[in-house]
Amino acid sequence: MATQNSDQNTDQRKEIHQPLTPEQVSPEQKAAHKKMMEENENLVLNPGDMVDGEKTLEEKSQQVAVDAPDITGDHIVVPTYFVVDDPEEGQKALHHIKDAEEISDVIRQARVDESGERTWN
């Protein structure tokens, strides 16, 4: 019976594609980050690090914390939230700062098989 429930949860999960390159970040988000940086000289957090509990899973999946060149000149994009599949709760968004310990726990569950494919425990 647990397998049936697990299969039902899998069927209900949506395919989430998070922005991972500068080209995938929406122009509106880029403009909002730029405006926030110009208006607030003493920001402690990156503009995209702000937590908004009212956002949907899909909205959180599109939020980026960093969309800027790093010290080496490479342009990096860091998602604010990492969407993970929880066997009990379904898909959920983990904040890259607030939920860092839980993200680490999820990563520790990943294993690579003989073919180089990632499997999850």
C-alpha atoms as a PDB file:
ATOM      1  CA  MET A   1       0.000   0.000   0.000  1.00  0.00           C
ATOM      2  CA  ALA A   2       2.907   2.375   0.714  1.00  0.00           C
ATOM      3  CA  THR A   3       4.111   1.867  -2.855  1.00  0.00           C
ATOM      4  CA  GLN A   4       0.729   2.933  -4.204  1.00  0.00           C
ATOM      5  CA  ASN A   5       0.785   6.147  -2.137  1.00  0.00           C
ATOM      6  CA  SER A   6       4.352   6.792  -3.233  1.00  0.00           C
ATOM      7  CA  ASP A   7       3.339   6.323  -6.885  1.00  0.00           C
ATOM      8  CA  GLN A   8       0.427   8.725  -6.441  1.00  0.00           C
ATOM      9  CA  ASN A   9       2.763  11.368  -4.966  1.00  0.00           C
ATOM     10  CA  THR A  10       5.143  10.940  -7.913  1.00  0.00           C
ATOM     11  CA  ASP A  11       2.282  11.391 -10.385  1.00  0.00           C
ATOM     12  CA  GLN A  12       1.233  14.647  -8.677  1.00  0.00           C
ATOM     13  CA  ARG A  13       4.710  16.207  -8.725  1.00  0.00           C
ATOM     14  CA  LYS A  14       5.264  18.940 -11.253  1.00  0.00           C
ATOM     15  CA  GLU A  15       8.367  19.233 -13.380  1.00  0.00           C
ATOM     16  CA  ILE A  16      10.241  22.257 -12.006  1.00  0.00           C
ATOM     17  CA  HIS A  17      12.956  23.963 -14.065  1.00  0.00           C
ATOM     18  CA  GLN A  18      15.002  26.425 -12.052  1.00  0.00           C
ATOM     19  CA  PRO A  19      17.094  29.152 -13.704  1.00  0.00           C
ATOM     20  CA  LEU A  20      20.749  28.118 -13.614  1.00  0.00           C
ATOM     21  CA  THR A  21      22.244  30.422 -16.256  1.00  0.00           C
ATOM     22  CA  PRO A  22      22.071  34.215 -16.642  1.00  0.00           C
ATOM     23  CA  GLU A  23      19.934  33.806 -19.764  1.00  0.00           C
ATOM     24  CA  GLN A  24      17.280  31.888 -17.815  1.00  0.00           C
ATOM     25  CA  VAL A  25      16.757  34.639 -15.200  1.00  0.00           C
ATOM     26  CA  SER A  26      13.736  36.786 -16.048  1.00  0.00           C
ATOM     27  CA  PRO A  27      14.379  40.400 -17.108  1.00  0.00           C
ATOM     28  CA  GLU A  28      11.890  41.537 -14.441  1.00  0.00           C
ATOM     29  CA  GLN A  29      13.900  39.836 -11.705  1.00  0.00           C
ATOM     30  CA  LYS A  30      17.150  41.298 -13.029  1.00  0.00           C
ATOM     31  CA  ALA A  31      15.605  44.797 -12.994  1.00  0.00           C
ATOM     32  CA  ALA A  32      14.223  44.342  -9.465  1.00  0.00           C
ATOM     33  CA  HIS A  33      17.641  43.219  -8.161  1.00  0.00           C
ATOM     34  CA  LYS A  34      19.366  46.174  -9.843  1.00  0.00           C
ATOM     35  CA  LYS A  35      16.845  48.641  -8.409  1.00  0.00           C
ATOM     36  CA  MET A  36      17.190  47.208  -4.895  1.00  0.00           C
ATOM     37  CA  MET A  37      21.005  47.434  -5.103  1.00  0.00           C
ATOM     38  CA  GLU A  38      20.828  51.069  -6.265  1.00  0.00           C
ATOM     39  CA  GLU A  39      18.352  52.087  -3.545  1.00  0.00           C
ATOM     40  CA  ASN A  40      20.054  50.282  -0.642  1.00  0.00           C
ATOM     41  CA  GLU A  41      23.794  50.820  -0.359  1.00  0.00           C
ATOM     42  CA  ASN A  42      24.129  48.786   2.839  1.00  0.00           C
ATOM     43  CA  LEU A  43      22.340  45.575   1.907  1.00  0.00           C
ATOM     44  CA  VAL A  44      23.389  42.709   4.147  1.00  0.00           C
ATOM     45  CA  LEU A  45      21.794  40.053   1.932  1.00  0.00           C
ATOM     46  CA  ASN A  46      21.694  39.589  -1.804  1.00  0.00           C
ATOM     47  CA  PRO A  47      18.461  41.065  -3.199  1.00  0.00           C
ATOM     48  CA  GLY A  48      17.141  37.615  -4.065  1.00  0.00           C
ATOM     49  CA  ASP A  49      17.727  36.177  -0.589  1.00  0.00           C
ATOM     50  CA  MET A  50      14.547  37.724   0.785  1.00  0.00           C
ATOM     51  CA  VAL A  51      12.012  35.157   2.045  1.00  0.00           C
ATOM     52  CA  ASP A  52       8.400  35.623   0.968  1.00  0.00           C
ATOM     53  CA  GLY A  53       6.131  32.967   2.474  1.00  0.00           C
ATOM     54  CA  GLU A  54       3.292  34.006   0.184  1.00  0.00           C
ATOM     55  CA  LYS A  55       5.035  32.772  -2.973  1.00  0.00           C
ATOM     56  CA  THR A  56       3.973  29.536  -4.628  1.00  0.00           C
ATOM     57  CA  LEU A  57       6.371  26.652  -5.187  1.00  0.00           C
ATOM     58  CA  GLU A  58       6.688  27.661  -8.837  1.00  0.00           C
ATOM     59  CA  GLU A  59       7.446  31.290  -7.942  1.00  0.00           C
ATOM     60  CA  LYS A  60      10.054  30.229  -5.386  1.00  0.00           C
ATOM     61  CA  SER A  61      11.659  27.915  -7.940  1.00  0.00           C
ATOM     62  CA  GLN A  62      12.267  30.885 -10.249  1.00  0.00           C
ATOM     63  CA  GLN A  63      13.743  33.192  -7.575  1.00  0.00           C
ATOM     64  CA  VAL A  64      17.510  33.649  -7.744  1.00  0.00           C
ATOM     65  CA  ALA A  65      19.715  34.936  -4.937  1.00  0.00           C
ATOM     66  CA  VAL A  66      22.719  35.770  -7.098  1.00  0.00           C
ATOM     67  CA  ASP A  67      22.909  36.682 -10.791  1.00  0.00           C
ATOM     68  CA  ALA A  68      26.277  38.370 -11.160  1.00  0.00           C
ATOM     69  CA  PRO A  69      29.901  37.917 -12.190  1.00  0.00           C
ATOM     70  CA  ASP A  70      32.128  36.434  -9.508  1.00  0.00           C
ATOM     71  CA  ILE A  71      35.728  37.387  -8.766  1.00  0.00           C
ATOM     72  CA  THR A  72      37.002  35.207 -11.641  1.00  0.00           C
ATOM     73  CA  GLY A  73      34.719  36.935 -14.139  1.00  0.00           C
ATOM     74  CA  ASP A  74      32.425  33.918 -14.552  1.00  0.00           C
ATOM     75  CA  HIS A  75      28.761  34.871 -14.429  1.00  0.00           C
ATOM     76  CA  ILE A  76      27.026  32.775 -11.766  1.00  0.00           C
ATOM     77  CA  VAL A  77      23.400  32.152 -10.887  1.00  0.00           C
ATOM     78  CA  VAL A  78      22.429  30.787  -7.467  1.00  0.00           C
ATOM     79  CA  PRO A  79      18.794  29.832  -6.842  1.00  0.00           C
ATOM     80  CA  THR A  80      17.271  31.212  -3.655  1.00  0.00           C
ATOM     81  CA  TYR A  81      15.311  28.006  -3.144  1.00  0.00           C
ATOM     82  CA  PHE A  82      16.156  24.424  -4.039  1.00  0.00           C
ATOM     83  CA  VAL A  83      13.096  22.367  -4.897  1.00  0.00           C
ATOM     84  CA  VAL A  84      13.306  18.845  -3.493  1.00  0.00           C
ATOM     85  CA  ASP A  85      11.012  15.832  -3.423  1.00  0.00           C
ATOM     86  CA  ASP A  86      10.164  14.794   0.109  1.00  0.00           C
ATOM     87  CA  PRO A  87       8.580  11.328   0.363  1.00  0.00           C
ATOM     88  CA  GLU A  88       6.210  12.527   3.097  1.00  0.00           C
ATOM     89  CA  GLU A  89       5.511  16.129   2.066  1.00  0.00           C
ATOM     90  CA  GLY A  90       5.914  16.006  -1.720  1.00  0.00           C
ATOM     91  CA  GLN A  91       7.779  18.818  -3.442  1.00  0.00           C
ATOM     92  CA  LYS A  92       8.960  21.656  -1.263  1.00  0.00           C
ATOM     93  CA  ALA A  93      11.250  24.654  -1.596  1.00  0.00           C
ATOM     94  CA  LEU A  94      14.257  24.863   0.723  1.00  0.00           C
ATOM     95  CA  HIS A  95      15.844  28.306   1.197  1.00  0.00           C
ATOM     96  CA  HIS A  96      19.571  28.171   0.426  1.00  0.00           C
ATOM     97  CA  ILE A  97      20.479  29.916   3.703  1.00  0.00           C
ATOM     98  CA  LYS A  98      17.651  29.210   6.129  1.00  0.00           C
ATOM     99  CA  ASP A  99      17.393  25.512   5.175  1.00  0.00           C
ATOM    100  CA  ALA A 100      21.090  24.832   4.439  1.00  0.00           C
ATOM    101  CA  GLU A 101      21.304  21.919   6.887  1.00  0.00           C
ATOM    102  CA  GLU A 102      18.280  20.189   5.334  1.00  0.00           C
ATOM    103  CA  ILE A 103      19.714  20.768   1.830  1.00  0.00           C
ATOM    104  CA  SER A 104      22.942  19.105   2.979  1.00  0.00           C
ATOM    105  CA  ASP A 105      20.936  16.150   4.289  1.00  0.00           C
ATOM    106  CA  VAL A 106      19.216  15.775   0.901  1.00  0.00           C
ATOM    107  CA  ILE A 107      22.548  15.891  -0.935  1.00  0.00           C
ATOM    108  CA  ARG A 108      23.989  13.210   1.369  1.00  0.00           C
ATOM    109  CA  GLN A 109      21.184  10.878   0.220  1.00  0.00           C
ATOM    110  CA  ALA A 110      22.405  10.983  -3.380  1.00  0.00           C
ATOM    111  CA  ARG A 111      24.463   8.101  -4.656  1.00  0.00           C
ATOM    112  CA  VAL A 112      25.937   7.308  -8.065  1.00  0.00           C
ATOM    113  CA  ASP A 113      25.547   3.793  -9.509  1.00  0.00           C
ATOM    114  CA  GLU A 114      28.013   1.897 -11.716  1.00  0.00           C
ATOM    115  CA  SER A 115      26.721   3.676 -14.847  1.00  0.00           C
ATOM    116  CA  GLY A 116      27.305   7.101 -13.344  1.00  0.00           C
ATOM    117  CA  GLU A 117      23.562   7.671 -12.844  1.00  0.00           C
ATOM    118  CA  ARG A 118      22.445   9.426  -9.676  1.00  0.00           C
ATOM    119  CA  THR A 119      20.198   7.387  -7.396  1.00  0.00           C
ATOM    120  CA  TRP A 120      18.541   8.509  -4.198  1.00  0.00           C
ATOM    121  CA  ASN A 121      18.242   6.535  -0.959  1.00  0.00           C
END
